[in-house]
């Protein structure tokens, strides 16, 4: 069973993904084409139903006490301000 904390995190991530998609004026179809995934995948991310990869990165970040951006190679700064 998923903890309440994880449910809230999934919801927040999904809301953030949808928010930035809309801010960038991408339809679900357009984003799916750009990312080479099915549009249902986008919908499942935005609804918080499918997040195993996102949650895995967050858990690794917390375990190693580094930022997710560092794990992804997008930032050289390692510290995670938890």
N, C-alpha and C. Protein backbone atom coordinates (compact mmCIF):
# COMPACT_ATOMS: atom_id res chain seq x y z
N UNK A 1 0.84 -1.19 0.00
CA UNK A 1 0.00 0.00 0.00
C UNK A 1 0.89 1.25 0.00
N UNK A 2 0.46 2.26 -0.72
CA UNK A 2 1.22 3.50 -0.84
C UNK A 2 0.91 4.40 0.35
N UNK A 3 1.96 4.94 0.97
CA UNK A 3 1.75 5.82 2.11
C UNK A 3 1.10 7.13 1.66
N UNK A 4 0.49 7.81 2.61
CA UNK A 4 -0.14 9.10 2.31
C UNK A 4 0.89 10.10 1.78
N UNK A 5 2.08 10.06 2.34
CA UNK A 5 3.14 10.97 1.89
C UNK A 5 3.46 10.74 0.42
N UNK A 6 3.56 9.48 0.02
CA UNK A 6 3.84 9.15 -1.38
C UNK A 6 2.68 9.55 -2.29
N UNK A 7 1.45 9.38 -1.82
CA UNK A 7 0.29 9.78 -2.61
C UNK A 7 0.31 11.28 -2.87
N UNK A 8 0.63 12.04 -1.83
CA UNK A 8 0.70 13.50 -1.98
C UNK A 8 1.83 13.90 -2.92
N UNK A 9 2.95 13.20 -2.82
CA UNK A 9 4.09 13.49 -3.70
C UNK A 9 3.72 13.19 -5.15
N UNK A 10 3.08 12.06 -5.38
CA UNK A 10 2.65 11.71 -6.74
C UNK A 10 1.71 12.77 -7.29
N UNK A 11 0.78 13.21 -6.47
CA UNK A 11 -0.18 14.23 -6.90
C UNK A 11 0.54 15.54 -7.24
N UNK A 12 1.47 15.95 -6.38
CA UNK A 12 2.20 17.20 -6.61
C UNK A 12 3.05 17.13 -7.87
N UNK A 13 3.74 16.01 -8.07
CA UNK A 13 4.55 15.86 -9.29
C UNK A 13 3.66 15.92 -10.52
N UNK A 14 2.55 15.20 -10.49
CA UNK A 14 1.62 15.21 -11.62
C UNK A 14 1.09 16.60 -11.92
N UNK A 15 0.72 17.31 -10.87
CA UNK A 15 0.23 18.69 -11.06
C UNK A 15 1.31 19.58 -11.65
N UNK A 16 2.53 19.42 -11.18
CA UNK A 16 3.64 20.23 -11.70
C UNK A 16 3.91 19.91 -13.17
N UNK A 17 3.89 18.62 -13.52
CA UNK A 17 4.11 18.24 -14.91
C UNK A 17 3.04 18.84 -15.81
N UNK A 18 1.80 18.78 -15.38
CA UNK A 18 0.70 19.34 -16.17
C UNK A 18 0.83 20.85 -16.28
N UNK A 19 1.18 21.48 -15.18
CA UNK A 19 1.31 22.94 -15.16
C UNK A 19 2.37 23.42 -16.15
N UNK A 20 3.54 22.79 -16.14
CA UNK A 20 4.59 23.25 -17.06
C UNK A 20 4.27 22.89 -18.51
N UNK A 21 3.57 21.79 -18.72
CA UNK A 21 3.15 21.45 -20.09
C UNK A 21 2.24 22.53 -20.62
N UNK A 22 1.27 22.92 -19.81
CA UNK A 22 0.31 23.95 -20.23
C UNK A 22 1.00 25.30 -20.40
N UNK A 23 1.90 25.63 -19.50
CA UNK A 23 2.64 26.90 -19.61
C UNK A 23 3.43 26.97 -20.92
N UNK A 24 3.91 25.82 -21.38
CA UNK A 24 4.67 25.78 -22.63
C UNK A 24 3.77 25.54 -23.85
N UNK A 25 2.47 25.53 -23.60
CA UNK A 25 1.46 25.41 -24.64
C UNK A 25 1.58 24.13 -25.46
N UNK A 26 1.92 23.04 -24.78
CA UNK A 26 1.96 21.73 -25.43
C UNK A 26 0.66 20.99 -25.13
N UNK A 27 0.10 20.43 -26.16
CA UNK A 27 -1.02 19.52 -25.94
C UNK A 27 -0.43 18.18 -25.47
N UNK A 28 -1.28 17.34 -24.95
CA UNK A 28 -0.81 16.01 -24.56
C UNK A 28 -0.28 15.28 -25.78
N UNK A 29 -0.97 15.39 -26.88
CA UNK A 29 -0.56 14.72 -28.12
C UNK A 29 0.81 15.22 -28.58
N UNK A 30 1.00 16.53 -28.59
CA UNK A 30 2.27 17.11 -29.03
C UNK A 30 3.42 16.66 -28.12
N UNK A 31 3.20 16.69 -26.82
CA UNK A 31 4.24 16.28 -25.88
C UNK A 31 4.57 14.80 -26.05
N UNK A 32 3.54 13.99 -26.24
CA UNK A 32 3.76 12.56 -26.45
C UNK A 32 4.62 12.31 -27.69
N UNK A 33 4.37 13.05 -28.74
CA UNK A 33 5.17 12.93 -29.96
C UNK A 33 6.61 13.34 -29.69
N UNK A 34 6.79 14.46 -29.02
CA UNK A 34 8.15 14.95 -28.73
C UNK A 34 8.94 13.98 -27.85
N UNK A 35 8.27 13.36 -26.88
CA UNK A 35 8.93 12.44 -25.96
C UNK A 35 8.94 11.00 -26.45
N UNK A 36 8.25 10.78 -27.57
CA UNK A 36 8.15 9.43 -28.16
C UNK A 36 7.55 8.43 -27.18
N UNK A 37 6.44 8.85 -26.57
CA UNK A 37 5.67 7.98 -25.69
C UNK A 37 4.21 8.08 -26.10
N UNK A 38 3.42 7.13 -25.64
CA UNK A 38 1.99 7.16 -25.90
C UNK A 38 1.36 8.29 -25.09
N UNK A 39 0.32 8.90 -25.61
CA UNK A 39 -0.33 10.00 -24.88
C UNK A 39 -0.90 9.52 -23.54
N UNK A 40 -1.25 8.23 -23.46
CA UNK A 40 -1.73 7.68 -22.19
C UNK A 40 -0.64 7.71 -21.12
N UNK A 41 0.61 7.63 -21.55
CA UNK A 41 1.72 7.73 -20.61
C UNK A 41 1.76 9.12 -19.99
N UNK A 42 1.60 10.14 -20.81
CA UNK A 42 1.56 11.52 -20.32
C UNK A 42 0.41 11.67 -19.33
N UNK A 43 -0.76 11.16 -19.69
CA UNK A 43 -1.92 11.25 -18.81
C UNK A 43 -1.67 10.54 -17.48
N UNK A 44 -1.01 9.40 -17.52
CA UNK A 44 -0.75 8.67 -16.27
C UNK A 44 0.26 9.41 -15.40
N UNK A 45 1.24 10.07 -16.03
CA UNK A 45 2.19 10.88 -15.25
C UNK A 45 1.46 12.05 -14.59
N UNK A 46 0.65 12.75 -15.38
CA UNK A 46 -0.02 13.94 -14.87
C UNK A 46 -1.09 13.62 -13.82
N UNK A 47 -1.62 12.42 -13.87
CA UNK A 47 -2.62 12.03 -12.88
C UNK A 47 -1.98 11.42 -11.64
N UNK A 48 -0.68 11.15 -11.71
CA UNK A 48 0.02 10.55 -10.59
C UNK A 48 -0.13 9.04 -10.51
N UNK A 49 -0.69 8.44 -11.53
CA UNK A 49 -0.91 6.99 -11.51
C UNK A 49 0.35 6.20 -11.80
N UNK A 50 1.23 6.73 -12.64
CA UNK A 50 2.45 6.02 -13.02
C UNK A 50 3.64 6.93 -12.75
N UNK A 51 4.36 6.62 -11.68
CA UNK A 51 5.46 7.49 -11.30
C UNK A 51 6.67 6.73 -10.79
N UNK A 52 6.75 5.46 -11.07
CA UNK A 52 7.82 4.66 -10.46
C UNK A 52 9.20 5.24 -10.73
N UNK A 53 9.45 5.72 -11.94
CA UNK A 53 10.78 6.26 -12.27
C UNK A 53 11.03 7.58 -11.54
N UNK A 54 10.01 8.41 -11.45
CA UNK A 54 10.17 9.67 -10.74
C UNK A 54 10.44 9.41 -9.26
N UNK A 55 9.64 8.54 -8.66
CA UNK A 55 9.79 8.25 -7.24
C UNK A 55 11.12 7.59 -6.95
N UNK A 56 11.58 6.74 -7.85
CA UNK A 56 12.88 6.10 -7.67
C UNK A 56 13.99 7.16 -7.60
N UNK A 57 13.95 8.13 -8.48
CA UNK A 57 14.96 9.20 -8.46
C UNK A 57 14.91 10.00 -7.16
N UNK A 58 13.71 10.27 -6.70
CA UNK A 58 13.56 11.02 -5.45
C UNK A 58 14.10 10.20 -4.28
N UNK A 59 13.78 8.92 -4.25
CA UNK A 59 14.27 8.06 -3.17
C UNK A 59 15.78 7.96 -3.18
N UNK A 60 16.39 7.83 -4.37
CA UNK A 60 17.85 7.78 -4.46
C UNK A 60 18.47 9.10 -4.01
N UNK A 61 17.83 10.19 -4.39
CA UNK A 61 18.29 11.51 -3.99
C UNK A 61 18.30 11.65 -2.47
N UNK A 62 17.22 11.19 -1.85
CA UNK A 62 17.12 11.26 -0.39
C UNK A 62 18.14 10.34 0.28
N UNK A 63 18.30 9.14 -0.26
CA UNK A 63 19.24 8.17 0.30
C UNK A 63 20.67 8.70 0.26
N UNK A 64 21.08 9.23 -0.89
CA UNK A 64 22.45 9.72 -1.06
C UNK A 64 22.64 11.17 -0.62
N UNK A 65 21.53 11.82 -0.29
CA UNK A 65 21.56 13.23 0.13
C UNK A 65 22.19 14.13 -0.94
N UNK A 66 21.75 13.90 -2.17
CA UNK A 66 22.15 14.74 -3.30
C UNK A 66 20.89 15.19 -4.03
N UNK A 67 21.02 16.21 -4.85
CA UNK A 67 19.88 16.71 -5.60
C UNK A 67 19.57 15.78 -6.77
N UNK A 68 18.31 15.69 -7.14
CA UNK A 68 17.91 14.90 -8.30
C UNK A 68 18.64 15.41 -9.54
N UNK A 69 18.80 16.71 -9.66
CA UNK A 69 19.52 17.28 -10.80
C UNK A 69 20.94 16.74 -10.89
N UNK A 70 21.57 16.49 -9.76
CA UNK A 70 22.92 15.94 -9.75
C UNK A 70 22.91 14.51 -10.30
N UNK A 71 21.96 13.69 -9.85
CA UNK A 71 21.85 12.32 -10.34
C UNK A 71 21.63 12.31 -11.86
N UNK A 72 20.83 13.23 -12.34
CA UNK A 72 20.53 13.31 -13.76
C UNK A 72 21.64 13.95 -14.58
N UNK A 73 22.68 14.45 -13.92
CA UNK A 73 23.79 15.07 -14.63
C UNK A 73 23.51 16.48 -15.11
N UNK A 74 22.54 17.12 -14.49
CA UNK A 74 22.14 18.47 -14.91
C UNK A 74 22.71 19.55 -14.00
N UNK A 75 23.38 19.15 -12.93
CA UNK A 75 23.91 20.10 -11.96
C UNK A 75 25.14 19.47 -11.32
N UNK A 76 26.19 20.25 -11.14
CA UNK A 76 27.40 19.74 -10.49
C UNK A 76 27.33 19.87 -8.98
N UNK A 77 26.34 20.62 -8.49
CA UNK A 77 26.20 20.83 -7.05
C UNK A 77 25.47 19.64 -6.45
N UNK A 78 26.12 18.95 -5.53
CA UNK A 78 25.59 17.68 -5.02
C UNK A 78 24.62 17.82 -3.87
N UNK A 79 24.76 18.82 -3.02
CA UNK A 79 23.99 18.89 -1.78
C UNK A 79 22.52 19.00 -2.02
N UNK A 80 21.79 18.26 -1.20
CA UNK A 80 20.33 18.31 -1.22
C UNK A 80 19.90 19.01 0.04
N UNK A 81 19.18 20.08 -0.08
CA UNK A 81 18.72 20.84 1.09
C UNK A 81 17.42 20.27 1.60
N UNK A 82 17.50 19.13 2.25
CA UNK A 82 16.28 18.51 2.80
C UNK A 82 15.97 19.05 4.16
